[in-house]
């Protein structure tokens, strides 16, 4: 009988220990939040989360602490359904995690510029700390900064064609971490030069609104933005539309093979061409934009060179309708120029620069991109051979490969294009030494880079 009592008592003690042990948990909740914050005039959404895998969360709190007092941002306690519970039983439905997106708006909250502290806290349902539960608190330094950078434009009246480029010189204060020119939705980063001056080459995209605002902008670390209009006259122009007849041979060889190589092939050659011309084209363009490096100081000299002994066989930004048996099957905008010469003709760098990409890229086949600084990149597509590598410094006239018919090409030629950051611009301007001198060099010159 005595043994039975001992067994029963041991079992009872084990059951009590099993039930009570989680309530004796000694580990506090954890939380995930930024290490520091800098908040500008637009305010900020701060994502935070609390976690407790033991007895569960009992309460969470968030407030902004300033010299003028505390500003509550969040308070969730046992009075809310998600945290219901009691000291005896703990959480009714154990809450292991809780998250919140805290809105800190200096204007609405009347927060002065200066330093503050974001305080985050939580308690769990353990019996620690005289039944109040384990606690965690994080104090995150915050800087409230609503003053935008200072900005001044040095350039005067500027003429630029739709689809063309121009340069602007301006001054942004030292707190600007990003600056350049915004044209509608396109942004053209600037670089810092000696004499505390900044410069940017910008373009008017061919699809920009006719009333597109052209502004120099400067943005600081807190996201405050200063912007300033300057006198820009956009010279309008139209772009041609052409029809190109597709042959059965081209569909069955070039586009079918390209579709198969890129996982787009199906039983219908016309659908394969459409997939290549639209889906693969979009992929190829995205890869080009990923390869273009950040804007750096100018390191080209004079005008850019056209491919030696070449004939231009297309027009800039022509809208191409592709026709098969009298029906349009696809269309695309063709940026840059097709340049024809002899088969496997030498292809040379149009100006000094650094190779940013060298390899296969979808519709462009074997492709080379050369970064010339100030966001200007030249593109050489459909090559049969590449003679340079990424990171290599090249000089104007240096051979970089041979022409070919790789990618979506119907014959041996060079596809040549110029980009201002990620916007295609008319190569005709860049081939014109006088235009480069009067529209770019006269403003940017050969000034060396200066440090912030």
Protein backbone atom coordinates (compact mmCIF):
# COMPACT_ATOMS: atom_id res chain seq x y z
CA UNK A 1 0.00 0.00 0.00
CA UNK A 2 2.83 2.36 0.92
CA UNK A 3 4.49 1.76 -2.44
CA UNK A 4 1.25 2.54 -4.22
CA UNK A 5 0.93 5.85 -2.35
CA UNK A 6 4.48 6.76 -3.28
CA UNK A 7 3.80 5.98 -6.91
CA UNK A 8 0.61 8.05 -6.87
CA UNK A 9 2.40 10.98 -5.20
CA UNK A 10 5.26 10.77 -7.67
CA UNK A 11 2.81 10.73 -10.56
CA UNK A 12 0.94 13.70 -9.11
CA UNK A 13 4.17 15.63 -8.61
CA UNK A 14 5.22 14.81 -12.18
CA UNK A 15 1.87 16.02 -13.50
CA UNK A 16 2.14 19.25 -11.49
CA UNK A 17 5.72 19.75 -12.68
CA UNK A 18 4.61 19.15 -16.27
CA UNK A 19 1.89 21.79 -15.96
CA UNK A 20 3.91 24.29 -13.93
CA UNK A 21 7.27 23.98 -15.62
CA UNK A 22 6.39 26.20 -18.62
CA UNK A 23 5.18 28.84 -16.16
CA UNK A 24 8.62 28.86 -14.57
CA UNK A 25 10.25 29.73 -17.88
CA UNK A 26 13.26 31.99 -17.50
CA UNK A 27 13.75 33.13 -21.10
CA UNK A 28 12.34 36.56 -22.04
CA UNK A 29 10.58 37.27 -25.33
CA UNK A 30 12.67 38.32 -28.33
CA UNK A 31 12.00 41.07 -30.82
CA UNK A 32 13.06 42.04 -34.35
CA UNK A 33 13.44 45.72 -35.24
CA UNK A 34 15.85 48.10 -37.05
CA UNK A 35 19.07 48.97 -35.24
CA UNK A 36 18.57 52.70 -35.85
CA UNK A 37 16.22 55.03 -37.74
CA UNK A 38 16.50 58.31 -39.60
CA UNK A 39 13.07 59.73 -40.40
CA UNK A 40 12.39 62.56 -42.82
CA UNK A 41 9.42 64.78 -43.55
CA UNK A 42 7.56 61.99 -45.35
CA UNK A 43 7.58 59.88 -42.21
CA UNK A 44 8.27 56.16 -42.05
CA UNK A 45 6.63 52.79 -41.58
CA UNK A 46 8.68 50.79 -39.08
CA UNK A 47 8.09 47.03 -39.12
CA UNK A 48 8.66 45.32 -35.78
CA UNK A 49 7.83 41.90 -34.33
CA UNK A 50 7.88 40.16 -30.93
CA UNK A 51 8.30 36.40 -30.31
CA UNK A 52 7.96 34.03 -27.37
CA UNK A 53 7.88 30.26 -27.92
CA UNK A 54 7.64 29.42 -24.21
CA UNK A 55 4.70 30.63 -22.16
CA UNK A 56 3.55 32.98 -24.95
CA UNK A 57 3.26 36.75 -25.23
CA UNK A 58 1.32 38.56 -22.52
CA UNK A 59 1.73 42.18 -23.68
CA UNK A 60 3.67 44.29 -26.16
CA UNK A 61 4.26 48.03 -26.22
CA UNK A 62 5.92 50.64 -28.46
CA UNK A 63 6.39 54.35 -27.87
CA UNK A 64 8.62 57.20 -28.99
CA UNK A 65 10.61 58.79 -26.20
CA UNK A 66 11.67 62.44 -26.58
CA UNK A 67 12.81 65.30 -24.38
CA UNK A 68 9.24 66.61 -24.56
CA UNK A 69 7.74 63.33 -23.35
CA UNK A 70 6.64 59.94 -24.65
CA UNK A 71 4.42 59.46 -27.70
CA UNK A 72 2.58 56.09 -27.62
CA UNK A 73 2.68 54.13 -30.88
CA UNK A 74 1.26 50.76 -29.84
CA UNK A 75 -0.05 48.99 -26.74
CA UNK A 76 -1.49 45.48 -26.86
CA UNK A 77 -2.25 43.72 -23.56
CA UNK A 78 -4.28 40.91 -21.98
CA UNK A 79 -7.39 43.07 -22.41
CA UNK A 80 -7.36 42.16 -26.11
CA UNK A 81 -8.66 38.81 -27.33
CA UNK A 82 -5.35 37.75 -28.83
CA UNK A 83 -3.67 38.08 -25.43
CA UNK A 84 -6.43 36.71 -23.19
CA UNK A 85 -5.23 34.58 -20.30
CA UNK A 86 -4.65 34.40 -16.55
CA UNK A 87 -1.78 34.02 -14.11
CA UNK A 88 -3.00 30.52 -13.26
CA UNK A 89 -3.54 29.10 -16.72
CA UNK A 90 -1.40 31.40 -18.86
CA UNK A 91 -2.56 32.36 -22.32
CA UNK A 92 -5.97 31.09 -23.42
CA UNK A 93 -4.60 30.77 -26.97
CA UNK A 94 -0.80 30.94 -26.71
CA UNK A 95 0.47 33.80 -28.83
CA UNK A 96 4.00 33.06 -29.96
CA UNK A 97 4.39 36.04 -32.32
CA UNK A 98 3.00 39.51 -32.83
CA UNK A 99 3.95 42.05 -35.49
CA UNK A 100 3.10 45.66 -36.21
CA UNK A 101 3.88 48.36 -38.76
CA UNK A 102 4.41 51.52 -36.74
CA UNK A 103 3.72 54.80 -38.51
CA UNK A 104 5.93 57.68 -37.40
CA UNK A 105 4.83 60.92 -39.06
CA UNK A 106 6.71 64.02 -37.86
CA UNK A 107 4.12 66.44 -39.25
CA UNK A 108 1.02 64.75 -37.81
CA UNK A 109 2.72 63.96 -34.52
CA UNK A 110 4.26 67.46 -34.28
CA UNK A 111 7.72 66.01 -33.76
CA UNK A 112 10.61 68.48 -33.67
CA UNK A 113 13.85 67.75 -35.49
CA UNK A 114 16.42 66.09 -33.28
CA UNK A 115 17.14 62.84 -31.48
CA UNK A 116 14.57 60.46 -30.06
CA UNK A 117 14.35 56.85 -28.92
CA UNK A 118 11.93 54.18 -30.12
CA UNK A 119 11.20 51.98 -27.11
CA UNK A 120 9.85 48.48 -27.72
CA UNK A 121 8.84 46.16 -24.89
CA UNK A 122 7.10 42.85 -24.23
CA UNK A 123 6.23 40.46 -21.36
CA UNK A 124 5.33 36.78 -21.39
CA UNK A 125 2.98 34.61 -19.26
CA UNK A 126 5.69 33.09 -17.05
CA UNK A 127 5.69 33.46 -13.24
CA UNK A 128 9.05 35.22 -13.31
CA UNK A 129 9.60 38.68 -11.81
CA UNK A 130 6.99 38.25 -9.06
CA UNK A 131 4.40 36.84 -11.48
CA UNK A 132 4.78 39.80 -13.87
CA UNK A 133 6.54 37.62 -16.46
CA UNK A 134 9.85 37.82 -18.27
CA UNK A 135 10.38 41.16 -19.98
CA UNK A 136 12.37 42.46 -22.91
CA UNK A 137 13.03 46.08 -23.86
CA UNK A 138 14.88 47.55 -26.82
CA UNK A 139 15.85 51.19 -27.16
CA UNK A 140 16.41 52.16 -30.80
CA UNK A 141 18.06 55.51 -31.58
CA UNK A 142 16.02 57.73 -33.88
CA UNK A 143 16.95 60.94 -35.68
CA UNK A 144 14.10 63.17 -36.86
CA UNK A 145 15.36 65.22 -39.81
CA UNK A 146 12.80 67.06 -41.95
CA UNK A 147 15.08 69.63 -43.61
CA UNK A 148 15.77 68.92 -47.32
CA UNK A 149 19.22 69.36 -48.88
CA UNK A 150 20.17 72.69 -50.44
CA UNK A 151 20.23 72.82 -54.22
CA UNK A 152 21.26 75.31 -56.92
CA UNK A 153 21.42 74.91 -60.70
CA UNK A 154 24.41 76.44 -62.53
CA UNK A 155 23.36 75.58 -66.10
CA UNK A 156 21.27 77.96 -68.17
CA UNK A 157 18.91 77.39 -71.08
CA UNK A 158 19.14 73.78 -72.30
CA UNK A 159 17.80 72.37 -75.57
CA UNK A 160 17.21 68.64 -75.84
CA UNK A 161 15.43 66.49 -78.42
CA UNK A 162 12.89 63.83 -77.59
CA UNK A 163 14.99 60.69 -77.64
CA UNK A 164 18.09 62.84 -77.16
CA UNK A 165 20.37 63.79 -74.28
CA UNK A 166 21.82 66.86 -72.56
CA UNK A 167 23.91 67.76 -69.52
CA UNK A 168 23.26 69.93 -66.46
CA UNK A 169 25.62 71.23 -63.79
CA UNK A 170 24.34 71.97 -60.29
CA UNK A 171 25.35 72.16 -56.64
CA UNK A 172 23.89 69.93 -53.91
CA UNK A 173 24.74 70.27 -50.23
CA UNK A 174 26.90 67.66 -48.52
CA UNK A 175 23.95 65.92 -46.83
CA UNK A 176 22.61 64.77 -50.22
CA UNK A 177 23.26 61.04 -50.62
CA UNK A 178 21.55 60.85 -54.02
CA UNK A 179 21.18 63.51 -56.67
CA UNK A 180 20.57 63.87 -60.38
CA UNK A 181 17.82 64.70 -62.86
CA UNK A 182 14.26 63.39 -62.87
CA UNK A 183 12.33 63.40 -66.16
CA UNK A 184 8.77 62.18 -65.55
CA UNK A 185 9.36 58.68 -64.05
CA UNK A 186 12.98 58.34 -65.23
CA UNK A 187 15.90 59.21 -62.95
CA UNK A 188 19.43 60.04 -64.14
CA UNK A 189 21.98 60.01 -61.27
CA UNK A 190 24.64 62.68 -61.15
CA UNK A 191 28.28 62.59 -60.09
CA UNK A 192 30.29 64.90 -57.87
CA UNK A 193 33.15 66.87 -59.43
CA UNK A 194 35.88 69.08 -58.07
CA UNK A 195 34.84 72.51 -56.91
CA UNK A 196 31.81 71.04 -55.08
CA UNK A 197 29.94 70.88 -58.35
CA UNK A 198 27.73 68.09 -59.62
CA UNK A 199 26.89 67.04 -63.15
CA UNK A 200 24.37 64.71 -64.76
CA UNK A 201 23.64 63.62 -68.30
CA UNK A 202 19.91 63.15 -68.76
CA UNK A 203 17.59 62.18 -71.60
CA UNK A 204 14.02 62.72 -72.72
CA UNK A 205 12.60 59.19 -73.14
CA UNK A 206 10.67 58.84 -76.38
CA UNK A 207 7.52 57.94 -74.42
CA UNK A 208 7.82 60.74 -71.85
CA UNK A 209 4.69 62.96 -71.57
CA UNK A 210 4.76 66.10 -73.70
CA UNK A 211 4.50 68.19 -70.55
CA UNK A 212 7.13 66.14 -68.69
CA UNK A 213 8.72 68.08 -65.84
CA UNK A 214 12.52 68.11 -65.91
CA UNK A 215 13.96 68.74 -62.45
CA UNK A 216 17.27 68.54 -60.67
CA UNK A 217 16.73 66.69 -57.40
CA UNK A 218 18.77 65.99 -54.27
CA UNK A 219 17.78 63.47 -51.59
CA UNK A 220 19.30 63.09 -48.11
CA UNK A 221 19.65 60.04 -45.89
CA UNK A 222 16.28 60.67 -44.25
CA UNK A 223 14.53 60.73 -47.63
CA UNK A 224 13.95 64.48 -47.71
CA UNK A 225 13.98 65.74 -51.29
CA UNK A 226 14.81 69.12 -52.77
CA UNK A 227 13.92 69.71 -56.42
CA UNK A 228 14.39 72.59 -58.80
CA UNK A 229 13.18 73.21 -62.32
CA UNK A 230 15.58 74.66 -64.84
CA UNK A 231 15.04 76.09 -68.31
CA UNK A 232 14.76 73.07 -70.60
CA UNK A 233 13.28 73.31 -74.11
CA UNK A 234 12.20 69.92 -75.44
CA UNK A 235 12.38 69.69 -79.22
CA UNK A 236 9.63 67.33 -80.33
CA UNK A 237 10.06 64.73 -83.04
CA UNK A 238 8.22 61.71 -84.38
CA UNK A 239 9.58 58.22 -84.80
CA UNK A 240 9.04 56.01 -87.85
CA UNK A 241 6.89 52.91 -88.12
CA UNK A 242 8.04 50.14 -90.43
CA UNK A 243 6.80 46.71 -91.45
CA UNK A 244 9.12 43.73 -91.67
CA UNK A 245 8.04 40.59 -93.54
CA UNK A 246 9.01 37.37 -91.78
CA UNK A 247 10.05 34.41 -93.91
CA UNK A 248 9.25 30.80 -93.15
CA UNK A 249 12.97 30.06 -93.20
CA UNK A 250 13.69 32.74 -90.59
CA UNK A 251 10.92 31.46 -88.33
CA UNK A 252 12.03 27.83 -88.58
CA UNK A 253 15.71 28.51 -88.08
CA UNK A 254 16.56 31.70 -86.16
CA UNK A 255 13.52 32.25 -83.93
CA UNK A 256 12.78 28.54 -83.33
CA UNK A 257 16.38 27.91 -82.25
CA UNK A 258 16.42 30.99 -80.04
CA UNK A 259 13.09 30.00 -78.45
CA UNK A 260 14.36 26.47 -77.77
CA UNK A 261 17.61 27.74 -76.24
CA UNK A 262 15.67 29.94 -73.82
CA UNK A 263 12.87 27.58 -72.78
CA UNK A 264 10.21 29.27 -74.90
CA UNK A 265 9.75 26.76 -77.73
CA UNK A 266 6.38 25.34 -78.75
CA UNK A 267 4.98 23.63 -81.84
CA UNK A 268 4.02 26.87 -83.66
CA UNK A 269 6.93 28.83 -85.25
CA UNK A 270 4.88 32.04 -85.25
CA UNK A 271 4.18 31.73 -81.52
CA UNK A 272 7.85 30.98 -80.97
CA UNK A 273 8.79 34.19 -82.75
CA UNK A 274 6.28 36.15 -80.67
CA UNK A 275 7.72 34.67 -77.46
CA UNK A 276 11.26 35.56 -78.54
CA UNK A 277 10.38 39.06 -79.74
CA UNK A 278 8.37 39.95 -76.65
CA UNK A 279 9.21 37.72 -73.66
CA UNK A 280 12.89 37.12 -74.42
CA UNK A 281 13.33 40.75 -75.49
CA UNK A 282 12.04 41.90 -72.10
CA UNK A 283 14.44 39.52 -70.33
CA UNK A 284 17.34 40.73 -72.44
CA UNK A 285 16.59 44.38 -71.70
CA UNK A 286 16.36 43.65 -67.99
CA UNK A 287 19.73 41.95 -68.06
CA UNK A 288 21.25 44.97 -69.81
CA UNK A 289 19.91 47.30 -67.12
CA UNK A 290 21.24 45.03 -64.39
CA UNK A 291 24.71 45.14 -65.97
CA UNK A 292 24.92 48.93 -66.28
CA UNK A 293 27.07 50.23 -63.40
CA UNK A 294 26.30 53.31 -61.27
CA UNK A 295 27.13 56.67 -62.81
CA UNK A 296 30.81 57.56 -62.52
CA UNK A 297 32.88 60.58 -63.63
CA UNK A 298 33.27 61.06 -67.39
CA UNK A 299 36.16 59.16 -68.94
CA UNK A 300 35.59 59.51 -72.69
CA UNK A 301 37.12 62.05 -75.03
CA UNK A 302 35.45 63.84 -77.94
CA UNK A 303 32.83 62.32 -80.20
CA UNK A 304 32.03 58.62 -80.46
CA UNK A 305 33.07 56.63 -83.54
CA UNK A 306 30.69 54.85 -85.88
CA UNK A 307 31.67 51.33 -86.96
CA UNK A 308 34.35 51.67 -89.66
CA UNK A 309 33.06 51.48 -93.25
CA UNK A 310 29.50 50.72 -92.07
CA UNK A 311 26.15 51.60 -93.56
CA UNK A 312 23.15 52.45 -91.37
CA UNK A 313 20.24 50.16 -92.30
CA UNK A 314 17.66 51.22 -89.70
CA UNK A 315 16.36 54.32 -87.94
CA UNK A 316 16.52 55.18 -84.26
CA UNK A 317 13.52 54.05 -82.20
CA UNK A 318 11.54 52.82 -85.18
CA UNK A 319 8.41 50.88 -84.25
CA UNK A 320 8.56 47.59 -86.11
CA UNK A 321 5.50 45.58 -87.11
CA UNK A 322 6.46 41.99 -87.91
CA UNK A 323 4.26 40.55 -90.67
CA UNK A 324 3.68 36.93 -91.66
CA UNK A 325 1.32 36.06 -94.53
CA UNK A 326 -0.19 39.54 -94.42
CA UNK A 327 -0.92 39.49 -90.68
CA UNK A 328 0.92 41.34 -87.94
CA UNK A 329 2.18 38.75 -85.46
CA UNK A 330 4.22 40.98 -83.14
CA UNK A 331 5.73 44.43 -82.76
CA UNK A 332 8.63 46.02 -80.93
CA UNK A 333 10.51 49.28 -80.65
CA UNK A 334 13.99 48.98 -82.22
CA UNK A 335 16.43 51.23 -80.40
CA UNK A 336 19.84 52.01 -81.79
CA UNK A 337 21.08 51.33 -85.32
CA UNK A 338 21.78 48.28 -87.44
CA UNK A 339 25.17 48.79 -89.09
CA UNK A 340 26.15 46.67 -92.09
CA UNK A 341 29.66 46.05 -93.37
CA UNK A 342 31.56 42.95 -94.45
CA UNK A 343 30.97 39.56 -92.84
CA UNK A 344 32.76 39.16 -89.49
CA UNK A 345 33.97 42.77 -89.68
CA UNK A 346 36.15 44.09 -86.82
CA UNK A 347 34.11 45.85 -84.13
CA UNK A 348 35.91 48.57 -82.20
CA UNK A 349 35.10 50.55 -79.05
CA UNK A 350 33.40 53.80 -80.03
CA UNK A 351 35.17 55.64 -77.19
CA UNK A 352 37.23 55.09 -74.05
CA UNK A 353 35.51 53.10 -71.33
CA UNK A 354 35.28 49.98 -69.18
CA UNK A 355 33.64 46.73 -70.29
CA UNK A 356 30.49 46.24 -68.19
CA UNK A 357 29.15 43.09 -69.91
CA UNK A 358 30.59 40.55 -72.34
CA UNK A 359 28.63 37.41 -73.18
CA UNK A 360 25.40 36.00 -74.54
CA UNK A 361 22.18 37.91 -73.93
CA UNK A 362 19.05 36.59 -75.60
CA UNK A 363 17.90 38.52 -78.63
CA UNK A 364 21.21 40.41 -78.78
CA UNK A 365 23.27 37.22 -79.03
CA UNK A 366 26.93 37.81 -78.19
CA UNK A 367 26.87 41.26 -76.58
CA UNK A 368 29.35 43.80 -75.24
CA UNK A 369 28.46 46.81 -73.07
CA UNK A 370 31.01 49.58 -72.48
CA UNK A 371 30.60 52.09 -69.64
CA UNK A 372 31.95 55.54 -70.55
CA UNK A 373 31.06 57.38 -67.35
CA UNK A 374 28.29 59.85 -66.49
CA UNK A 375 25.78 57.04 -67.03
CA UNK A 376 26.61 56.67 -70.75
CA UNK A 377 26.86 53.09 -72.02
CA UNK A 378 27.34 51.84 -75.59
CA UNK A 379 25.94 48.50 -76.75
CA UNK A 380 27.35 46.15 -79.41
CA UNK A 381 25.06 43.23 -80.32
CA UNK A 382 24.94 40.12 -82.59
CA UNK A 383 28.72 39.60 -82.42
CA UNK A 384 30.27 36.40 -83.73
CA UNK A 385 33.25 36.77 -81.41
CA UNK A 386 34.08 38.74 -78.25
CA UNK A 387 37.68 39.84 -77.63
CA UNK A 388 37.29 41.62 -74.26
CA UNK A 389 36.29 40.73 -70.70
CA UNK A 390 34.22 42.43 -68.02
CA UNK A 391 36.27 45.03 -66.14
CA UNK A 392 38.74 45.55 -68.98
CA UNK A 393 39.61 49.17 -69.81
CA UNK A 394 39.35 49.83 -73.55
CA UNK A 395 40.39 52.74 -75.73
CA UNK A 396 38.60 54.36 -78.65
CA UNK A 397 39.27 52.28 -81.77
CA UNK A 398 40.37 49.15 -79.87
CA UNK A 399 38.94 45.92 -81.30
CA UNK A 400 36.39 44.32 -78.99
CA UNK A 401 35.06 41.57 -81.29
CA UNK A 402 33.73 40.66 -84.74
CA UNK A 403 30.30 41.28 -86.28
CA UNK A 404 27.94 38.34 -86.68
CA UNK A 405 24.37 37.10 -86.73
CA UNK A 406 23.90 35.75 -83.20
CA UNK A 407 20.65 36.28 -81.34
CA UNK A 408 17.59 37.52 -83.22
CA UNK A 409 19.46 38.55 -86.37
CA UNK A 410 18.62 37.76 -89.98
CA UNK A 411 22.16 38.36 -91.22
CA UNK A 412 25.64 39.55 -90.29
CA UNK A 413 25.57 43.09 -88.88
CA UNK A 414 26.22 45.14 -85.73
CA UNK A 415 23.39 46.39 -83.55
CA UNK A 416 24.77 49.57 -81.97
CA UNK A 417 22.98 51.58 -79.28
CA UNK A 418 23.67 54.27 -76.70
CA UNK A 419 22.04 54.42 -73.27
CA UNK A 420 21.87 57.27 -70.78
CA UNK A 421 21.54 55.18 -67.62
CA UNK A 422 18.65 52.89 -68.66
CA UNK A 423 17.17 55.11 -71.39
CA UNK A 424 18.10 54.60 -75.04
CA UNK A 425 19.19 57.79 -76.79
CA UNK A 426 19.91 58.66 -80.43
CA UNK A 427 23.45 57.55 -81.42
CA UNK A 428 23.54 60.23 -84.15
CA UNK A 429 24.15 62.85 -81.45
CA UNK A 430 27.05 60.94 -79.92
CA UNK A 431 28.70 60.34 -83.30
CA UNK A 432 28.75 64.11 -83.83
CA UNK A 433 31.90 65.55 -82.23
CA UNK A 434 30.54 69.08 -82.41
CA UNK A 435 27.31 68.05 -80.63
CA UNK A 436 29.28 66.31 -77.86
CA UNK A 437 31.46 69.38 -77.42
CA UNK A 438 28.59 71.90 -77.38
CA UNK A 439 26.00 69.91 -75.39
CA UNK A 440 28.14 67.87 -73.00
CA UNK A 441 31.78 68.96 -72.82
CA UNK A 442 31.08 72.68 -72.61
CA UNK A 443 29.25 72.00 -69.34
CA UNK A 444 30.91 68.93 -67.89
CA UNK A 445 34.35 69.33 -69.48
CA UNK A 446 37.15 67.04 -68.36
CA UNK A 447 36.86 67.86 -64.68
CA UNK A 448 38.24 65.21 -62.40
CA UNK A 449 36.05 63.63 -59.71
CA UNK A 450 35.98 65.16 -56.27
CA UNK A 451 35.22 63.46 -52.99
CA UNK A 452 32.26 64.29 -50.79
